[in-house]
Amino acid sequence: MVTARSKPGDAVFRAIADPTRRQILSLLRGRRHTVGEIAANFRTSRPAISKHLRQLRSAGLVVAHKQGTAHICDLNAKPLRAVNAWLQGYEAFWGESLRSLRSYVEQTERHKEKNS
């Protein structure tokens, strides 16, 4: 039986699993935005966008502060390092797969040349 134990990076993976939240992060990558500016980019309701922002904040990906009556949101990309670290474990796999493919193609080409 596999038991699910929550790790610090899990909240980040859950946060970026949703396409709307990934779009919000893309918006914030360019510059800071108010909640209203973010919501204006989506067809969903402002409360729905606020819910997405709460999840991004809880994962540490968005930092919000109040400026007058507006809530300003900034991107904090540091938690994405957990995603990068996880992906790096697969780089060796992908590299080996590509080397194997290249070797196969080269062997096939040599075989064709021999038989021509």
C-alpha atoms as a PDB file:
ATOM      1  CA  MET A   1       0.000   0.000   0.000  1.00  0.00           C
ATOM      2  CA  VAL A   2       1.263   3.459  -0.881  1.00  0.00           C
ATOM      3  CA  THR A   3       0.755   6.177   1.679  1.00  0.00           C
ATOM      4  CA  ALA A   4       0.588   9.769   0.558  1.00  0.00           C
ATOM      5  CA  ARG A   5       2.777  11.959   2.675  1.00  0.00           C
ATOM      6  CA  SER A   6       2.665  15.653   1.918  1.00  0.00           C
ATOM      7  CA  LYS A   7       6.011  17.195   1.000  1.00  0.00           C
ATOM      8  CA  PRO A   8       6.814  20.907   0.846  1.00  0.00           C
ATOM      9  CA  GLY A   9       6.823  20.907  -2.978  1.00  0.00           C
ATOM     10  CA  ASP A  10       3.457  19.144  -3.249  1.00  0.00           C
ATOM     11  CA  ALA A  11       1.509  22.390  -2.834  1.00  0.00           C
ATOM     12  CA  VAL A  12       3.463  23.854  -5.746  1.00  0.00           C
ATOM     13  CA  PHE A  13       2.624  20.888  -7.979  1.00  0.00           C
ATOM     14  CA  ARG A  14      -1.053  21.127  -7.011  1.00  0.00           C
ATOM     15  CA  ALA A  15      -1.026  24.863  -7.701  1.00  0.00           C
ATOM     16  CA  ILE A  16       0.475  24.571 -11.178  1.00  0.00           C
ATOM     17  CA  ALA A  17      -1.737  21.619 -12.112  1.00  0.00           C
ATOM     18  CA  ASP A  18      -4.546  24.008 -13.052  1.00  0.00           C
ATOM     19  CA  PRO A  19      -4.299  25.859 -16.407  1.00  0.00           C
ATOM     20  CA  THR A  20      -5.919  29.014 -15.016  1.00  0.00           C
ATOM     21  CA  ARG A  21      -3.330  29.211 -12.252  1.00  0.00           C
ATOM     22  CA  ARG A  22      -0.536  28.683 -14.769  1.00  0.00           C
ATOM     23  CA  GLN A  23      -1.958  31.555 -16.834  1.00  0.00           C
ATOM     24  CA  ILE A  24      -2.040  33.754 -13.738  1.00  0.00           C
ATOM     25  CA  LEU A  25       1.623  32.956 -13.101  1.00  0.00           C
ATOM     26  CA  SER A  26       2.419  33.841 -16.719  1.00  0.00           C
ATOM     27  CA  LEU A  27       0.694  37.190 -16.302  1.00  0.00           C
ATOM     28  CA  LEU A  28       2.643  37.901 -13.142  1.00  0.00           C
ATOM     29  CA  ARG A  29       5.908  36.907 -14.782  1.00  0.00           C
ATOM     30  CA  GLY A  30       5.702  40.097 -16.831  1.00  0.00           C
ATOM     31  CA  ARG A  31       4.837  42.479 -14.009  1.00  0.00           C
ATOM     32  CA  ARG A  32       2.767  42.845 -10.848  1.00  0.00           C
ATOM     33  CA  HIS A  33      -1.001  43.115 -11.224  1.00  0.00           C
ATOM     34  CA  THR A  34      -3.969  43.972  -9.080  1.00  0.00           C
ATOM     35  CA  VAL A  35      -6.527  41.243  -8.493  1.00  0.00           C
ATOM     36  CA  GLY A  36      -8.930  43.161 -10.742  1.00  0.00           C
ATOM     37  CA  GLU A  37      -6.379  43.311 -13.567  1.00  0.00           C
ATOM     38  CA  ILE A  38      -5.790  39.580 -13.277  1.00  0.00           C
ATOM     39  CA  ALA A  39      -9.529  38.824 -13.239  1.00  0.00           C
ATOM     40  CA  ALA A  40     -10.052  40.971 -16.363  1.00  0.00           C
ATOM     41  CA  ASN A  41      -7.989  38.441 -18.338  1.00  0.00           C
ATOM     42  CA  PHE A  42     -10.385  35.559 -17.667  1.00  0.00           C
ATOM     43  CA  ARG A  43     -14.008  34.693 -18.357  1.00  0.00           C
ATOM     44  CA  THR A  44     -14.432  33.235 -14.880  1.00  0.00           C
ATOM     45  CA  SER A  45     -15.805  35.271 -12.004  1.00  0.00           C
ATOM     46  CA  ARG A  46     -13.639  37.434  -9.807  1.00  0.00           C
ATOM     47  CA  PRO A  47     -14.352  35.203  -6.763  1.00  0.00           C
ATOM     48  CA  ALA A  48     -13.113  32.209  -8.778  1.00  0.00           C
ATOM     49  CA  ILE A  49      -9.901  34.085  -9.631  1.00  0.00           C
ATOM     50  CA  SER A  50      -9.540  35.044  -5.964  1.00  0.00           C
ATOM     51  CA  LYS A  51      -9.785  31.364  -5.066  1.00  0.00           C
ATOM     52  CA  HIS A  52      -7.035  30.537  -7.565  1.00  0.00           C
ATOM     53  CA  LEU A  53      -4.904  33.330  -6.122  1.00  0.00           C
ATOM     54  CA  ARG A  54      -5.413  31.966  -2.600  1.00  0.00           C
ATOM     55  CA  GLN A  55      -4.093  28.589  -3.708  1.00  0.00           C
ATOM     56  CA  LEU A  56      -1.121  30.229  -5.431  1.00  0.00           C
ATOM     57  CA  ARG A  57      -0.422  32.246  -2.274  1.00  0.00           C
ATOM     58  CA  SER A  58      -0.651  29.168  -0.062  1.00  0.00           C
ATOM     59  CA  ALA A  59       1.926  27.458  -2.314  1.00  0.00           C
ATOM     60  CA  GLY A  60       4.142  30.522  -1.964  1.00  0.00           C
ATOM     61  CA  LEU A  61       4.008  31.320  -5.688  1.00  0.00           C
ATOM     62  CA  VAL A  62       2.185  34.628  -5.303  1.00  0.00           C
ATOM     63  CA  VAL A  63       2.797  37.355  -2.766  1.00  0.00           C
ATOM     64  CA  ALA A  64       0.029  39.914  -2.287  1.00  0.00           C
ATOM     65  CA  HIS A  65       0.055  43.207  -0.480  1.00  0.00           C
ATOM     66  CA  LYS A  66      -2.478  45.959  -0.090  1.00  0.00           C
ATOM     67  CA  GLN A  67      -1.906  49.334  -1.704  1.00  0.00           C
ATOM     68  CA  GLY A  68      -4.753  51.644  -0.824  1.00  0.00           C
ATOM     69  CA  THR A  69      -7.885  49.672  -1.667  1.00  0.00           C
ATOM     70  CA  ALA A  70      -6.157  47.444  -4.227  1.00  0.00           C
ATOM     71  CA  HIS A  71      -4.492  44.100  -3.610  1.00  0.00           C
ATOM     72  CA  ILE A  72      -1.264  43.917  -5.628  1.00  0.00           C
ATOM     73  CA  CYS A  73       0.037  40.482  -6.613  1.00  0.00           C
ATOM     74  CA  ASP A  74       3.671  39.631  -7.349  1.00  0.00           C
ATOM     75  CA  LEU A  75       5.192  36.411  -8.609  1.00  0.00           C
ATOM     76  CA  ASN A  76       7.524  34.503  -6.302  1.00  0.00           C
ATOM     77  CA  ALA A  77       9.160  31.927  -8.570  1.00  0.00           C
ATOM     78  CA  LYS A  78      11.426  30.413  -5.885  1.00  0.00           C
ATOM     79  CA  PRO A  79       9.009  27.573  -5.010  1.00  0.00           C
ATOM     80  CA  LEU A  80       9.176  26.455  -8.661  1.00  0.00           C
ATOM     81  CA  ARG A  81      12.679  25.191  -7.886  1.00  0.00           C
ATOM     82  CA  ALA A  82      10.982  22.080  -6.470  1.00  0.00           C
ATOM     83  CA  VAL A  83       9.457  21.420  -9.894  1.00  0.00           C
ATOM     84  CA  ASN A  84      12.804  22.003 -11.589  1.00  0.00           C
ATOM     85  CA  ALA A  85      14.569  19.653  -9.158  1.00  0.00           C
ATOM     86  CA  TRP A  86      11.986  16.957  -9.803  1.00  0.00           C
ATOM     87  CA  LEU A  87      12.322  17.340 -13.583  1.00  0.00           C
ATOM     88  CA  GLN A  88      16.114  17.141 -13.415  1.00  0.00           C
ATOM     89  CA  GLY A  89      15.754  13.559 -12.267  1.00  0.00           C
ATOM     90  CA  TYR A  90      14.241  12.794 -15.655  1.00  0.00           C
ATOM     91  CA  GLU A  91      16.902  14.584 -17.710  1.00  0.00           C
ATOM     92  CA  ALA A  92      19.234  11.583 -17.457  1.00  0.00           C
ATOM     93  CA  PHE A  93      16.388   9.324 -18.607  1.00  0.00           C
ATOM     94  CA  TRP A  94      15.582  11.554 -21.576  1.00  0.00           C
ATOM     95  CA  GLY A  95      19.260  11.895 -22.476  1.00  0.00           C
ATOM     96  CA  GLU A  96      19.736   8.126 -22.417  1.00  0.00           C
ATOM     97  CA  SER A  97      16.586   7.607 -24.480  1.00  0.00           C
ATOM     98  CA  LEU A  98      17.830  10.066 -27.108  1.00  0.00           C
ATOM     99  CA  ARG A  99      21.289   8.454 -27.181  1.00  0.00           C
ATOM    100  CA  SER A 100      19.649   5.054 -27.660  1.00  0.00           C
ATOM    101  CA  LEU A 101      17.498   6.397 -30.475  1.00  0.00           C
ATOM    102  CA  ARG A 102      20.509   7.973 -32.201  1.00  0.00           C
ATOM    103  CA  SER A 103      22.459   4.727 -31.884  1.00  0.00           C
ATOM    104  CA  TYR A 104      19.538   2.763 -33.351  1.00  0.00           C
ATOM    105  CA  VAL A 105      19.179   5.173 -36.290  1.00  0.00           C
ATOM    106  CA  GLU A 106      22.938   5.074 -36.976  1.00  0.00           C
ATOM    107  CA  GLN A 107      22.964   1.253 -36.880  1.00  0.00           C
ATOM    108  CA  THR A 108      19.949   1.125 -39.199  1.00  0.00           C
ATOM    109  CA  GLU A 109      21.668   3.506 -41.645  1.00  0.00           C
ATOM    110  CA  ARG A 110      24.892   1.448 -41.594  1.00  0.00           C
ATOM    111  CA  HIS A 111      22.864  -1.716 -42.184  1.00  0.00           C
ATOM    112  CA  LYS A 112      21.094  -0.112 -45.144  1.00  0.00           C
ATOM    113  CA  GLU A 113      24.429   1.040 -46.625  1.00  0.00           C
ATOM    114  CA  LYS A 114      25.889  -2.471 -46.305  1.00  0.00           C
ATOM    115  CA  ASN A 115      22.926  -4.045 -48.069  1.00  0.00           C
ATOM    116  CA  SER A 116      22.768  -1.496 -50.869  1.00  0.00           C
END
